[in-house]
Amino acid sequence: MFSGYLSAVKLFSHSCAIDSGCSYFLGYPTCYYGFGFFVLIFILALSNKFRCFGGKVMNTARLHALRTVVSAAIIFSGYFSFVEIKEMFTQQVVYGALIMPTCFYGLIFYIWILVLAFKLQAEEPDNDPEEERKPLA
C-alpha cells in the first residue's frame, strides 16, 4: 500500500510524496518498480490461494517464481537503499519522520517475504486422473 501511495502521488501530482525527492531507474521513479514488484508477489501469492495457474497446490515452478521475484526485488531495493543511505550521510539528506529512505522499508518487507517464501514447501499434487480431466471453472 505504501509503494502504491508513493506511485500514485508521483503519477498524479508529478511530485514526490517525500520531501527528500525520488530516485529514478531507466527514467522512471523507483517507487513504480517497487509497486510492480509488490503486485507481482501478490499475484503469485493469489495464484496459490485460488489454485490458478496450473494446479491445486503450490507447485515447484510457482514457488521458484515467487522466490525469484522477491530476490530481484531485494537486489533492486537493496541497491537503491545503499545509494540513498550513502547520500543521507554524505549530502545530509533528511527523510523527515520516516528517518530512512523509502527503498529501505521496501527492502525490509521484501526480506520478510523471502523468509516466508523459503518456509513454504512445494506440495506434490494428487495423482487423481479424474481431477486432471476436469476443466477449470
N, C-alpha and C. Protein backbone atom coordinates (compact mmCIF):
# COMPACT_ATOMS: atom_id res chain seq x y z
N MET A 1 0.83 -1.19 0.00
CA MET A 1 0.00 0.00 0.00
C MET A 1 0.87 1.25 0.00
N PHE A 2 1.99 1.19 0.73
CA PHE A 2 2.85 2.37 0.81
C PHE A 2 3.48 2.67 -0.55
N SER A 3 3.99 1.65 -1.24
CA SER A 3 4.57 1.90 -2.56
C SER A 3 3.50 2.32 -3.56
N GLY A 4 2.28 1.82 -3.38
CA GLY A 4 1.18 2.26 -4.23
C GLY A 4 0.84 3.72 -3.99
N TYR A 5 0.87 4.13 -2.74
CA TYR A 5 0.64 5.54 -2.40
C TYR A 5 1.72 6.42 -3.01
N LEU A 6 2.98 6.03 -2.84
CA LEU A 6 4.08 6.81 -3.40
C LEU A 6 3.96 6.91 -4.92
N SER A 7 3.62 5.78 -5.55
CA SER A 7 3.48 5.76 -7.01
C SER A 7 2.33 6.64 -7.47
N ALA A 8 1.20 6.57 -6.78
CA ALA A 8 0.03 7.37 -7.15
C ALA A 8 0.31 8.87 -7.00
N VAL A 9 0.95 9.25 -5.91
CA VAL A 9 1.28 10.67 -5.72
C VAL A 9 2.19 11.15 -6.84
N LYS A 10 3.20 10.36 -7.17
CA LYS A 10 4.14 10.75 -8.22
C LYS A 10 3.44 10.80 -9.58
N LEU A 11 2.57 9.83 -9.85
CA LEU A 11 1.89 9.76 -11.14
C LEU A 11 0.91 10.91 -11.34
N PHE A 12 0.13 11.22 -10.31
CA PHE A 12 -0.92 12.21 -10.48
C PHE A 12 -0.50 13.64 -10.16
N SER A 13 0.48 13.82 -9.28
CA SER A 13 0.87 15.19 -8.93
C SER A 13 2.23 15.57 -9.51
N HIS A 14 2.92 14.62 -10.09
CA HIS A 14 4.26 14.84 -10.66
C HIS A 14 5.24 15.37 -9.64
N SER A 15 4.98 15.09 -8.38
CA SER A 15 5.93 15.45 -7.32
C SER A 15 6.06 14.27 -6.38
N CYS A 16 7.13 14.25 -5.64
CA CYS A 16 7.39 13.15 -4.72
C CYS A 16 6.61 13.35 -3.42
N ALA A 17 6.09 12.25 -2.89
CA ALA A 17 5.34 12.32 -1.64
C ALA A 17 6.28 12.60 -0.46
N ILE A 18 7.55 12.30 -0.62
CA ILE A 18 8.56 12.51 0.42
C ILE A 18 9.39 13.72 0.03
N ASP A 19 9.65 14.60 0.98
CA ASP A 19 10.35 15.84 0.68
C ASP A 19 11.77 15.66 0.16
N SER A 20 12.38 14.51 0.42
CA SER A 20 13.78 14.32 0.04
C SER A 20 13.95 14.05 -1.45
N GLY A 21 12.88 13.80 -2.17
CA GLY A 21 12.98 13.56 -3.60
C GLY A 21 12.90 12.08 -3.93
N CYS A 22 12.89 11.80 -5.22
CA CYS A 22 12.72 10.44 -5.70
C CYS A 22 13.97 9.97 -6.44
N SER A 23 14.28 8.71 -6.29
CA SER A 23 15.33 8.09 -7.10
C SER A 23 14.69 7.60 -8.39
N TYR A 24 15.49 7.56 -9.45
CA TYR A 24 14.98 7.13 -10.75
C TYR A 24 15.80 5.97 -11.28
N PHE A 25 15.12 5.10 -12.04
CA PHE A 25 15.76 3.98 -12.72
C PHE A 25 15.16 3.90 -14.11
N LEU A 26 16.00 3.98 -15.12
CA LEU A 26 15.58 3.97 -16.52
C LEU A 26 14.53 5.04 -16.82
N GLY A 27 14.67 6.18 -16.15
CA GLY A 27 13.78 7.31 -16.39
C GLY A 27 12.48 7.31 -15.62
N TYR A 28 12.24 6.31 -14.81
CA TYR A 28 11.01 6.23 -14.02
C TYR A 28 11.35 6.19 -12.53
N PRO A 29 10.46 6.71 -11.68
CA PRO A 29 10.72 6.67 -10.24
C PRO A 29 10.81 5.23 -9.73
N THR A 30 11.67 5.01 -8.78
CA THR A 30 11.86 3.66 -8.24
C THR A 30 10.61 3.15 -7.53
N CYS A 31 9.76 4.05 -7.06
CA CYS A 31 8.53 3.59 -6.39
C CYS A 31 7.62 2.85 -7.37
N TYR A 32 7.68 3.19 -8.68
CA TYR A 32 6.89 2.46 -9.66
C TYR A 32 7.35 1.00 -9.71
N TYR A 33 8.66 0.81 -9.72
CA TYR A 33 9.21 -0.55 -9.77
C TYR A 33 8.88 -1.31 -8.48
N GLY A 34 9.02 -0.63 -7.35
CA GLY A 34 8.68 -1.27 -6.08
C GLY A 34 7.24 -1.72 -6.06
N PHE A 35 6.35 -0.87 -6.54
CA PHE A 35 4.94 -1.22 -6.60
C PHE A 35 4.73 -2.41 -7.54
N GLY A 36 5.43 -2.39 -8.68
CA GLY A 36 5.34 -3.51 -9.62
C GLY A 36 5.79 -4.82 -9.00
N PHE A 37 6.88 -4.78 -8.24
CA PHE A 37 7.34 -5.99 -7.55
C PHE A 37 6.30 -6.49 -6.56
N PHE A 38 5.73 -5.58 -5.79
CA PHE A 38 4.71 -6.00 -4.82
C PHE A 38 3.49 -6.58 -5.51
N VAL A 39 3.09 -6.01 -6.65
CA VAL A 39 1.94 -6.54 -7.39
C VAL A 39 2.25 -7.95 -7.90
N LEU A 40 3.45 -8.16 -8.45
CA LEU A 40 3.83 -9.49 -8.91
C LEU A 40 3.82 -10.51 -7.78
N ILE A 41 4.37 -10.12 -6.65
CA ILE A 41 4.39 -11.01 -5.48
C ILE A 41 2.96 -11.33 -5.05
N PHE A 42 2.10 -10.33 -5.06
CA PHE A 42 0.71 -10.53 -4.68
C PHE A 42 0.00 -11.49 -5.63
N ILE A 43 0.25 -11.33 -6.92
CA ILE A 43 -0.36 -12.22 -7.92
C ILE A 43 0.13 -13.65 -7.72
N LEU A 44 1.41 -13.82 -7.47
CA LEU A 44 1.93 -15.17 -7.24
C LEU A 44 1.33 -15.79 -5.97
N ALA A 45 1.16 -14.98 -4.95
CA ALA A 45 0.54 -15.49 -3.72
C ALA A 45 -0.92 -15.85 -3.96
N LEU A 46 -1.63 -15.02 -4.71
CA LEU A 46 -3.03 -15.31 -5.01
C LEU A 46 -3.17 -16.54 -5.89
N SER A 47 -2.21 -16.76 -6.78
CA SER A 47 -2.28 -17.93 -7.64
C SER A 47 -2.28 -19.21 -6.82
N ASN A 48 -1.63 -19.19 -5.69
CA ASN A 48 -1.67 -20.35 -4.81
C ASN A 48 -2.98 -20.40 -4.04
N LYS A 49 -3.42 -19.26 -3.56
CA LYS A 49 -4.65 -19.21 -2.76
C LYS A 49 -5.86 -19.69 -3.55
N PHE A 50 -5.96 -19.26 -4.79
CA PHE A 50 -7.13 -19.60 -5.61
C PHE A 50 -6.85 -20.75 -6.57
N ARG A 51 -5.69 -21.36 -6.45
CA ARG A 51 -5.34 -22.56 -7.20
C ARG A 51 -5.39 -22.36 -8.71
N CYS A 52 -5.00 -21.20 -9.16
CA CYS A 52 -4.98 -20.98 -10.59
C CYS A 52 -3.53 -21.12 -11.09
N PHE A 53 -3.31 -20.99 -12.35
CA PHE A 53 -2.01 -21.11 -12.98
C PHE A 53 -1.39 -22.48 -12.76
N GLY A 54 -2.15 -23.52 -12.96
CA GLY A 54 -1.55 -24.83 -13.03
C GLY A 54 -1.69 -25.76 -11.86
N GLY A 55 -2.74 -25.74 -11.15
CA GLY A 55 -2.88 -26.79 -10.17
C GLY A 55 -3.57 -26.41 -8.90
N LYS A 56 -3.65 -27.40 -8.01
CA LYS A 56 -4.35 -27.23 -6.74
C LYS A 56 -3.41 -26.82 -5.62
N VAL A 57 -2.14 -26.99 -5.78
CA VAL A 57 -1.20 -26.79 -4.68
C VAL A 57 -0.08 -25.87 -5.13
N MET A 58 0.71 -25.40 -4.19
CA MET A 58 1.87 -24.57 -4.52
C MET A 58 2.88 -25.49 -5.18
N ASN A 59 2.97 -25.41 -6.49
CA ASN A 59 3.91 -26.29 -7.17
C ASN A 59 5.31 -25.65 -7.19
N THR A 60 6.26 -26.44 -7.59
CA THR A 60 7.66 -26.02 -7.55
C THR A 60 7.90 -24.80 -8.44
N ALA A 61 7.29 -24.76 -9.61
CA ALA A 61 7.50 -23.64 -10.53
C ALA A 61 7.02 -22.32 -9.93
N ARG A 62 5.82 -22.34 -9.34
CA ARG A 62 5.30 -21.10 -8.73
C ARG A 62 6.13 -20.69 -7.52
N LEU A 63 6.61 -21.65 -6.77
CA LEU A 63 7.44 -21.35 -5.61
C LEU A 63 8.76 -20.73 -6.04
N HIS A 64 9.36 -21.29 -7.09
CA HIS A 64 10.61 -20.71 -7.61
C HIS A 64 10.37 -19.32 -8.20
N ALA A 65 9.24 -19.14 -8.87
CA ALA A 65 8.91 -17.83 -9.43
C ALA A 65 8.76 -16.80 -8.31
N LEU A 66 8.07 -17.18 -7.25
CA LEU A 66 7.90 -16.28 -6.11
C LEU A 66 9.26 -15.91 -5.51
N ARG A 67 10.09 -16.89 -5.27
CA ARG A 67 11.41 -16.63 -4.69
C ARG A 67 12.28 -15.79 -5.62
N THR A 68 12.17 -16.01 -6.92
CA THR A 68 12.97 -15.25 -7.89
C THR A 68 12.54 -13.79 -7.93
N VAL A 69 11.23 -13.55 -7.97
CA VAL A 69 10.73 -12.17 -8.00
C VAL A 69 11.13 -11.44 -6.73
N VAL A 70 10.99 -12.08 -5.59
CA VAL A 70 11.34 -11.44 -4.32
C VAL A 70 12.85 -11.19 -4.25
N SER A 71 13.65 -12.12 -4.75
CA SER A 71 15.10 -11.92 -4.76
C SER A 71 15.49 -10.74 -5.65
N ALA A 72 14.86 -10.63 -6.81
CA ALA A 72 15.12 -9.49 -7.69
C ALA A 72 14.71 -8.18 -7.01
N ALA A 73 13.60 -8.20 -6.30
CA ALA A 73 13.14 -7.01 -5.58
C ALA A 73 14.13 -6.63 -4.48
N ILE A 74 14.71 -7.62 -3.82
CA ILE A 74 15.70 -7.35 -2.77
C ILE A 74 16.95 -6.72 -3.37
N ILE A 75 17.39 -7.24 -4.49
CA ILE A 75 18.57 -6.66 -5.15
C ILE A 75 18.29 -5.22 -5.57
N PHE A 76 17.13 -5.01 -6.18
CA PHE A 76 16.75 -3.67 -6.64
C PHE A 76 16.66 -2.68 -5.48
N SER A 77 15.87 -3.02 -4.49
CA SER A 77 15.68 -2.09 -3.37
C SER A 77 16.93 -1.99 -2.51
N GLY A 78 17.69 -3.07 -2.44
CA GLY A 78 18.95 -3.02 -1.69
C GLY A 78 19.94 -2.06 -2.29
N TYR A 79 20.04 -2.08 -3.63
CA TYR A 79 20.95 -1.15 -4.31
C TYR A 79 20.53 0.30 -4.05
N PHE A 80 19.26 0.60 -4.25
CA PHE A 80 18.81 1.98 -4.06
C PHE A 80 18.81 2.38 -2.59
N SER A 81 18.61 1.44 -1.69
CA SER A 81 18.73 1.75 -0.26
C SER A 81 20.15 2.16 0.06
N PHE A 82 21.11 1.40 -0.47
CA PHE A 82 22.52 1.73 -0.25
C PHE A 82 22.85 3.12 -0.78
N VAL A 83 22.41 3.40 -2.00
CA VAL A 83 22.69 4.71 -2.61
C VAL A 83 22.06 5.83 -1.78
N GLU A 84 20.82 5.66 -1.38
CA GLU A 84 20.12 6.72 -0.65
C GLU A 84 20.66 6.88 0.77
N ILE A 85 21.04 5.79 1.42
CA ILE A 85 21.61 5.90 2.76
C ILE A 85 22.98 6.56 2.70
N LYS A 86 23.73 6.26 1.65
CA LYS A 86 25.03 6.91 1.45
C LYS A 86 24.83 8.42 1.26
N GLU A 87 23.82 8.80 0.45
CA GLU A 87 23.52 10.22 0.27
C GLU A 87 23.06 10.87 1.57
N MET A 88 22.36 10.10 2.39
CA MET A 88 21.86 10.62 3.65
C MET A 88 23.02 11.08 4.53
N PHE A 89 24.12 10.33 4.51
CA PHE A 89 25.27 10.69 5.35
C PHE A 89 26.23 11.64 4.66
N THR A 90 26.42 11.51 3.35
CA THR A 90 27.40 12.38 2.67
C THR A 90 26.84 13.74 2.28
N GLN A 91 25.56 13.78 1.90
CA GLN A 91 24.96 15.03 1.44
C GLN A 91 23.94 15.58 2.43
N GLN A 92 23.87 14.99 3.61
CA GLN A 92 22.97 15.46 4.66
C GLN A 92 21.51 15.49 4.21
N VAL A 93 21.09 14.48 3.43
CA VAL A 93 19.69 14.38 3.02
C VAL A 93 18.86 13.94 4.23
N VAL A 94 17.73 14.61 4.45
CA VAL A 94 16.88 14.31 5.60
C VAL A 94 15.57 13.72 5.09
N TYR A 95 15.18 12.61 5.70
CA TYR A 95 13.95 11.94 5.30
C TYR A 95 12.80 12.22 6.24
N GLY A 96 12.94 13.18 7.10
CA GLY A 96 11.87 13.61 7.98
C GLY A 96 11.42 12.53 8.94
N ALA A 97 10.12 12.40 9.10
CA ALA A 97 9.57 11.45 10.06
C ALA A 97 9.86 10.00 9.70
N LEU A 98 10.15 9.74 8.43
CA LEU A 98 10.45 8.37 8.02
C LEU A 98 11.83 7.90 8.50
N ILE A 99 12.72 8.81 8.75
CA ILE A 99 14.08 8.57 9.22
C ILE A 99 14.96 7.94 8.14
N MET A 100 14.49 6.89 7.50
CA MET A 100 15.25 6.18 6.46
C MET A 100 14.58 6.37 5.11
N PRO A 101 15.31 6.12 4.01
CA PRO A 101 14.70 6.21 2.67
C PRO A 101 13.59 5.18 2.49
N THR A 102 12.66 5.47 1.60
CA THR A 102 11.53 4.57 1.39
C THR A 102 11.98 3.23 0.81
N CYS A 103 13.02 3.21 -0.01
CA CYS A 103 13.52 1.94 -0.56
C CYS A 103 13.97 1.00 0.56
N PHE A 104 14.45 1.56 1.64
CA PHE A 104 14.89 0.74 2.77
C PHE A 104 13.72 -0.01 3.39
N TYR A 105 12.59 0.65 3.50
CA TYR A 105 11.41 0.00 4.06
C TYR A 105 10.89 -1.09 3.12
N GLY A 106 10.96 -0.82 1.83
CA GLY A 106 10.62 -1.86 0.86
C GLY A 106 11.54 -3.06 1.00
N LEU A 107 12.83 -2.79 1.18
CA LEU A 107 13.82 -3.85 1.36
C LEU A 107 13.48 -4.73 2.56
N ILE A 108 13.09 -4.12 3.66
CA ILE A 108 12.73 -4.87 4.86
C ILE A 108 11.54 -5.79 4.57
N PHE A 109 10.53 -5.28 3.89
CA PHE A 109 9.37 -6.10 3.55
C PHE A 109 9.75 -7.24 2.60
N TYR A 110 10.57 -6.94 1.59
CA TYR A 110 10.98 -7.99 0.65
C TYR A 110 11.76 -9.09 1.36
N ILE A 111 12.63 -8.73 2.28
CA ILE A 111 13.39 -9.74 3.03
C ILE A 111 12.44 -10.60 3.84
N TRP A 112 11.48 -9.98 4.48
CA TRP A 112 10.49 -10.71 5.27
C TRP A 112 9.70 -11.67 4.39
N ILE A 113 9.29 -11.21 3.20
CA ILE A 113 8.54 -12.07 2.27
C ILE A 113 9.41 -13.23 1.79
N LEU A 114 10.70 -12.98 1.54
CA LEU A 114 11.59 -14.06 1.10
C LEU A 114 11.76 -15.11 2.19
N VAL A 115 11.88 -14.68 3.43
CA VAL A 115 11.98 -15.63 4.54
C VAL A 115 10.71 -16.50 4.57
N LEU A 116 9.56 -15.88 4.42
CA LEU A 116 8.31 -16.65 4.40
C LEU A 116 8.25 -17.57 3.19
N ALA A 117 8.76 -17.11 2.04
CA ALA A 117 8.74 -17.93 0.83
C ALA A 117 9.63 -19.16 0.98
N PHE A 118 10.72 -19.03 1.73
CA PHE A 118 11.57 -20.19 1.93
C PHE A 118 11.01 -21.14 2.99
N LYS A 119 10.06 -20.68 3.77
CA LYS A 119 9.39 -21.56 4.71
C LYS A 119 8.31 -22.39 4.01
N LEU A 120 7.85 -21.91 2.85
CA LEU A 120 6.87 -22.66 2.07
C LEU A 120 7.54 -23.87 1.44
N GLN A 121 6.81 -24.92 1.36
CA GLN A 121 7.29 -26.13 0.68
C GLN A 121 6.37 -26.41 -0.49
N ALA A 122 6.97 -26.82 -1.60
CA ALA A 122 6.16 -27.24 -2.73
C ALA A 122 5.48 -28.54 -2.35
N GLU A 123 4.22 -28.63 -2.68
CA GLU A 123 3.45 -29.82 -2.36
C GLU A 123 3.29 -30.68 -3.60
N GLU A 124 3.25 -31.97 -3.40
CA GLU A 124 3.03 -32.89 -4.50
C GLU A 124 1.54 -32.89 -4.85
N PRO A 125 1.20 -32.72 -6.11
CA PRO A 125 -0.22 -32.76 -6.48
C PRO A 125 -0.78 -34.17 -6.36
N ASP A 126 -2.08 -34.23 -6.15
CA ASP A 126 -2.74 -35.53 -6.14
C ASP A 126 -2.69 -36.10 -7.54
N ASN A 127 -2.45 -37.37 -7.65
CA ASN A 127 -2.39 -38.02 -8.96
C ASN A 127 -3.72 -38.67 -9.31
N ASP A 128 -4.78 -37.92 -9.15
CA ASP A 128 -6.11 -38.40 -9.48
C ASP A 128 -6.39 -38.06 -10.94
N PRO A 129 -6.43 -39.07 -11.83
CA PRO A 129 -6.63 -38.80 -13.26
C PRO A 129 -7.96 -38.12 -13.55
N GLU A 130 -9.00 -38.41 -12.75
CA GLU A 130 -10.30 -37.77 -12.97
C GLU A 130 -10.21 -36.26 -12.74
N GLU A 131 -9.45 -35.87 -11.72
CA GLU A 131 -9.32 -34.46 -11.38
C GLU A 131 -8.61 -33.71 -12.50
N GLU A 132 -7.63 -34.35 -13.14
CA GLU A 132 -6.86 -33.69 -14.20
C GLU A 132 -7.71 -33.44 -15.43
N ARG A 133 -8.73 -34.27 -15.67
CA ARG A 133 -9.57 -34.14 -16.86
C ARG A 133 -10.64 -33.08 -16.74
N LYS A 134 -10.93 -32.67 -15.50
CA LYS A 134 -11.98 -31.68 -15.29
C LYS A 134 -11.49 -30.30 -15.70
N PRO A 135 -12.30 -29.57 -16.47
CA PRO A 135 -11.89 -28.22 -16.85
C PRO A 135 -11.94 -27.29 -15.63
N LEU A 136 -11.08 -26.29 -15.66
CA LEU A 136 -11.08 -25.30 -14.58
C LEU A 136 -12.30 -24.40 -14.73
N ALA A 137 -12.90 -24.07 -13.64
CA ALA A 137 -14.10 -23.23 -13.66
C ALA A 137 -13.74 -21.79 -13.76
